[in-house]
Amino acid sequence: MKVVPLTQEALVAELVGRIDALPRDRHARVVVDGADATDPGALADALVDPLRALGRPVLRVSARDFLRPASVRLEHGRTDPDSYRDSWVDTGGLLREVLDPLEPGGSGEVLPSLWNAETDRASRAGYARLGEGGVLLLDGALLLDKWLPFELSVHLWLSDAALARRTPPELAWTLPAYVGYEPAPDVLVRYDHPTRPALVRTVAGD
């Protein structure tokens, strides 16, 4: 294993290059996965304009817009880490409305948001069509152990100490949800210091 230090700009360039190397005759479903403390949405947002500049249509979706209704999500209370890990995100909705339509031969019609957690009502968003060669950029936490299909997966890794330090006190109850969460992404990024990320590369023979 080799750890390659990068600037934030170099990380964006690295990921854009990997995404653009994916075939243009089909959709590319890309996930940026990381604890809330890593702000995976910010990195996903940073990929949008460079990809569009390369001629790739891009659609941004956040897992936070696919949470289950409060009656289901909070069935075991508002601070249950097991529920937070396993049942807050409506993975069925993500598959049905976002990921499956981007399979080869799929309609390409994606629902960018399903549920507004603040109002606890359907978002009433309209469908958006992602053209051929288009890239879906999905961000969220704890998404890589749920058997969701992606052409490229990125995980922003935090050490236990950094995760505890950077998680706001009001969200400290979520920390046990990350215990034992060890995904195997296509791209692993050490993210203890967001301004100095490091790319983890597997060296032949490891």
Protein backbone atom coordinates (compact mmCIF):
# COMPACT_ATOMS: atom_id res chain seq x y z
CA MET A 1 0.00 0.00 0.00
CA LYS A 2 1.29 3.44 -0.94
CA VAL A 3 -0.08 6.71 0.40
CA VAL A 4 0.25 9.65 -1.98
CA PRO A 5 -0.24 13.14 -0.47
CA LEU A 6 -2.26 15.52 -2.63
CA THR A 7 -3.65 19.01 -2.59
CA GLN A 8 -7.42 19.36 -2.72
CA GLU A 9 -7.09 20.57 -6.32
CA ALA A 10 -4.99 17.56 -7.26
CA LEU A 11 -7.53 15.22 -5.67
CA VAL A 12 -10.32 16.78 -7.73
CA ALA A 13 -8.21 16.42 -10.88
CA GLU A 14 -7.45 12.79 -10.03
CA LEU A 15 -11.11 11.92 -9.53
CA VAL A 16 -12.24 13.82 -12.63
CA GLY A 17 -9.69 11.88 -14.67
CA ARG A 18 -10.90 8.56 -13.32
CA ILE A 19 -14.53 9.42 -13.93
CA ASP A 20 -13.90 10.69 -17.45
CA ALA A 21 -12.06 7.45 -18.24
CA LEU A 22 -15.34 5.56 -17.76
CA PRO A 23 -17.12 4.62 -21.01
CA ARG A 24 -19.09 7.39 -22.67
CA ASP A 25 -21.61 5.04 -24.25
CA ARG A 26 -23.38 4.51 -20.94
CA HIS A 27 -24.10 6.35 -17.71
CA ALA A 28 -21.54 6.54 -14.93
CA ARG A 29 -22.86 6.24 -11.38
CA VAL A 30 -20.30 7.69 -8.96
CA VAL A 31 -20.59 7.86 -5.19
CA VAL A 32 -18.56 10.01 -2.79
CA ASP A 33 -19.02 8.28 0.55
CA GLY A 34 -17.89 9.68 3.86
CA ALA A 35 -18.98 10.58 7.36
CA ASP A 36 -20.81 13.89 7.69
CA ALA A 37 -17.61 15.24 9.23
CA THR A 38 -15.85 14.87 5.85
CA ASP A 39 -18.57 16.83 3.99
CA PRO A 40 -18.64 14.45 1.02
CA GLY A 41 -21.12 16.72 -0.74
CA ALA A 42 -18.51 19.47 -1.02
CA LEU A 43 -16.12 17.17 -2.86
CA ALA A 44 -18.90 15.89 -5.12
CA ASP A 45 -19.85 19.49 -5.91
CA ALA A 46 -16.24 20.29 -6.84
CA LEU A 47 -16.33 17.60 -9.53
CA VAL A 48 -19.32 19.03 -11.39
CA ASP A 49 -17.83 21.90 -13.40
CA PRO A 50 -14.61 20.09 -14.45
CA LEU A 51 -16.66 17.15 -15.72
CA ARG A 52 -19.03 19.42 -17.63
CA ALA A 53 -16.03 21.16 -19.15
CA LEU A 54 -15.04 17.77 -20.57
CA GLY A 55 -18.44 17.42 -22.19
CA ARG A 56 -19.97 15.16 -19.56
CA PRO A 57 -23.56 15.85 -18.51
CA VAL A 58 -23.70 15.76 -14.70
CA LEU A 59 -26.51 15.25 -12.22
CA ARG A 60 -25.97 15.79 -8.48
CA VAL A 61 -27.96 13.80 -5.93
CA SER A 62 -27.53 13.60 -2.16
CA ALA A 63 -28.53 10.67 0.01
CA ARG A 64 -29.90 13.17 2.55
CA ASP A 65 -32.74 13.75 0.08
CA PHE A 66 -33.60 10.05 0.20
CA LEU A 67 -34.15 9.59 3.93
CA ARG A 68 -37.08 7.53 5.11
CA PRO A 69 -40.06 9.25 6.75
CA ALA A 70 -39.54 10.16 10.40
CA SER A 71 -42.07 7.55 11.53
CA VAL A 72 -39.77 4.86 10.13
CA ARG A 73 -36.39 6.53 10.49
CA LEU A 74 -36.87 7.44 14.15
CA GLU A 75 -38.78 4.36 15.22
CA HIS A 76 -36.09 3.57 17.82
CA GLY A 77 -35.53 7.19 18.83
CA ARG A 78 -33.69 10.17 17.40
CA THR A 79 -30.25 9.07 18.58
CA ASP A 80 -30.08 5.37 17.76
CA PRO A 81 -26.77 4.67 15.94
CA ASP A 82 -27.89 1.29 14.60
CA SER A 83 -30.88 2.86 12.88
CA TYR A 84 -28.67 5.67 11.60
CA ARG A 85 -26.37 3.17 9.97
CA ASP A 86 -28.85 0.65 8.63
CA SER A 87 -32.24 2.22 8.05
CA TRP A 88 -32.16 6.01 7.73
CA VAL A 89 -31.50 6.05 3.99
CA ASP A 90 -34.24 4.77 1.70
CA THR A 91 -32.00 2.50 -0.36
CA GLY A 92 -35.02 1.12 -2.19
CA GLY A 93 -35.93 4.62 -3.28
CA LEU A 94 -32.36 5.31 -4.40
CA LEU A 95 -32.35 2.16 -6.49
CA ARG A 96 -35.78 2.69 -7.99
CA GLU A 97 -35.55 6.41 -8.70
CA VAL A 98 -31.83 7.04 -9.27
CA LEU A 99 -29.57 4.06 -9.83
CA ASP A 100 -31.68 1.54 -11.74
CA PRO A 101 -32.81 4.04 -14.43
CA LEU A 102 -29.10 4.54 -15.24
CA GLU A 103 -28.46 0.88 -15.94
CA PRO A 104 -27.63 0.06 -19.58
CA GLY A 105 -30.89 0.32 -21.47
CA GLY A 106 -32.49 2.27 -18.64
CA SER A 107 -34.67 5.32 -19.16
CA GLY A 108 -32.10 7.82 -17.87
CA GLU A 109 -34.95 9.53 -16.02
CA VAL A 110 -33.83 10.28 -12.46
CA LEU A 111 -35.69 11.74 -9.50
CA PRO A 112 -33.12 14.07 -7.86
CA SER A 113 -34.86 14.06 -4.47
CA LEU A 114 -37.56 11.94 -2.89
CA TRP A 115 -38.14 13.14 0.67
CA ASN A 116 -37.72 16.44 2.52
CA ALA A 117 -36.60 15.42 6.00
CA GLU A 118 -37.20 18.91 7.42
CA THR A 119 -40.87 18.99 6.48
CA ASP A 120 -41.20 15.19 6.58
CA ARG A 121 -43.02 15.26 3.27
CA ALA A 122 -42.36 14.13 -0.28
CA SER A 123 -40.08 16.62 -2.03
CA ARG A 124 -42.32 16.79 -5.11
CA ALA A 125 -39.25 17.12 -7.31
CA GLY A 126 -39.60 16.57 -11.03
CA TYR A 127 -37.68 13.98 -12.98
CA ALA A 128 -34.48 14.94 -14.77
CA ARG A 129 -33.03 13.14 -17.76
CA LEU A 130 -29.33 12.33 -17.76
CA GLY A 131 -28.02 12.05 -21.30
CA GLU A 132 -25.74 9.38 -22.71
CA GLY A 133 -22.30 9.49 -21.17
CA GLY A 134 -23.73 11.44 -18.26
CA VAL A 135 -22.38 11.20 -14.73
CA LEU A 136 -24.44 10.81 -11.60
CA LEU A 137 -22.62 12.18 -8.56
CA LEU A 138 -24.15 10.87 -5.34
CA ASP A 139 -22.87 11.83 -1.91
CA GLY A 140 -23.69 10.40 1.47
CA ALA A 141 -22.53 8.49 4.52
CA LEU A 142 -22.43 4.74 5.13
CA LEU A 143 -23.51 3.90 1.58
CA LEU A 144 -20.88 1.34 0.60
CA ASP A 145 -22.17 -1.67 2.50
CA LYS A 146 -25.69 -1.59 1.06
CA TRP A 147 -25.16 -3.40 -2.27
CA LEU A 148 -25.84 -0.31 -4.33
CA PRO A 149 -24.47 -0.35 -7.92
CA PHE A 150 -21.79 2.17 -8.88
CA GLU A 151 -19.29 2.44 -11.69
CA LEU A 152 -16.89 4.26 -9.35
CA SER A 153 -16.89 4.54 -5.57
CA VAL A 154 -14.86 7.00 -3.50
CA HIS A 155 -14.55 6.79 0.27
CA LEU A 156 -13.26 9.62 2.45
CA TRP A 157 -11.59 7.87 5.36
CA LEU A 158 -11.13 9.39 8.80
CA SER A 159 -9.16 7.98 11.69
CA ASP A 160 -11.20 7.38 14.83
CA ALA A 161 -9.57 10.39 16.48
CA ALA A 162 -10.28 12.70 13.55
CA LEU A 163 -13.86 11.46 13.25
CA ALA A 164 -14.49 12.16 16.95
CA ARG A 165 -12.74 15.54 16.79
CA ARG A 166 -14.56 16.78 13.71
CA THR A 167 -18.04 15.49 14.55
CA PRO A 168 -20.16 18.23 16.18
CA PRO A 169 -21.18 17.48 19.78
CA GLU A 170 -24.85 17.26 18.80
CA LEU A 171 -23.98 14.42 16.40
CA ALA A 172 -21.65 12.52 18.73
CA TRP A 173 -24.35 9.86 19.10
CA THR A 174 -23.67 8.81 15.48
CA LEU A 175 -20.06 7.79 16.17
CA PRO A 176 -20.84 4.15 17.10
CA ALA A 177 -22.46 3.75 13.67
CA TYR A 178 -19.03 3.95 12.06
CA VAL A 179 -17.47 1.23 14.21
CA GLY A 180 -16.61 -1.68 11.93
CA TYR A 181 -17.53 0.22 8.78
CA GLU A 182 -14.68 -0.76 6.48
CA PRO A 183 -15.80 -0.42 2.85
CA ALA A 184 -13.72 -1.51 -0.12
CA PRO A 185 -14.07 1.47 -2.49
CA ASP A 186 -12.47 1.92 -5.87
CA VAL A 187 -10.75 5.04 -4.53
CA LEU A 188 -9.73 5.38 -0.89
CA VAL A 189 -8.78 8.85 0.33
CA ARG A 190 -7.35 9.60 3.74
CA TYR A 191 -9.17 12.73 4.80
CA ASP A 192 -8.06 13.56 8.33
CA HIS A 193 -6.93 16.94 6.97
CA PRO A 194 -9.20 18.00 4.06
CA THR A 195 -6.65 20.53 2.78
CA ARG A 196 -4.06 17.75 2.66
CA PRO A 197 -5.83 14.62 1.48
CA ALA A 198 -3.87 11.50 0.62
CA LEU A 199 -4.68 8.89 -2.01
CA VAL A 200 -4.20 5.29 -0.95
CA ARG A 201 -2.87 3.15 -3.78
CA THR A 202 -2.54 -0.61 -3.70
CA VAL A 203 0.93 -1.72 -4.71
CA ALA A 204 1.29 -4.97 -6.65
CA GLY A 205 2.32 -7.76 -4.33
CA ASP A 206 0.61 -6.33 -1.26
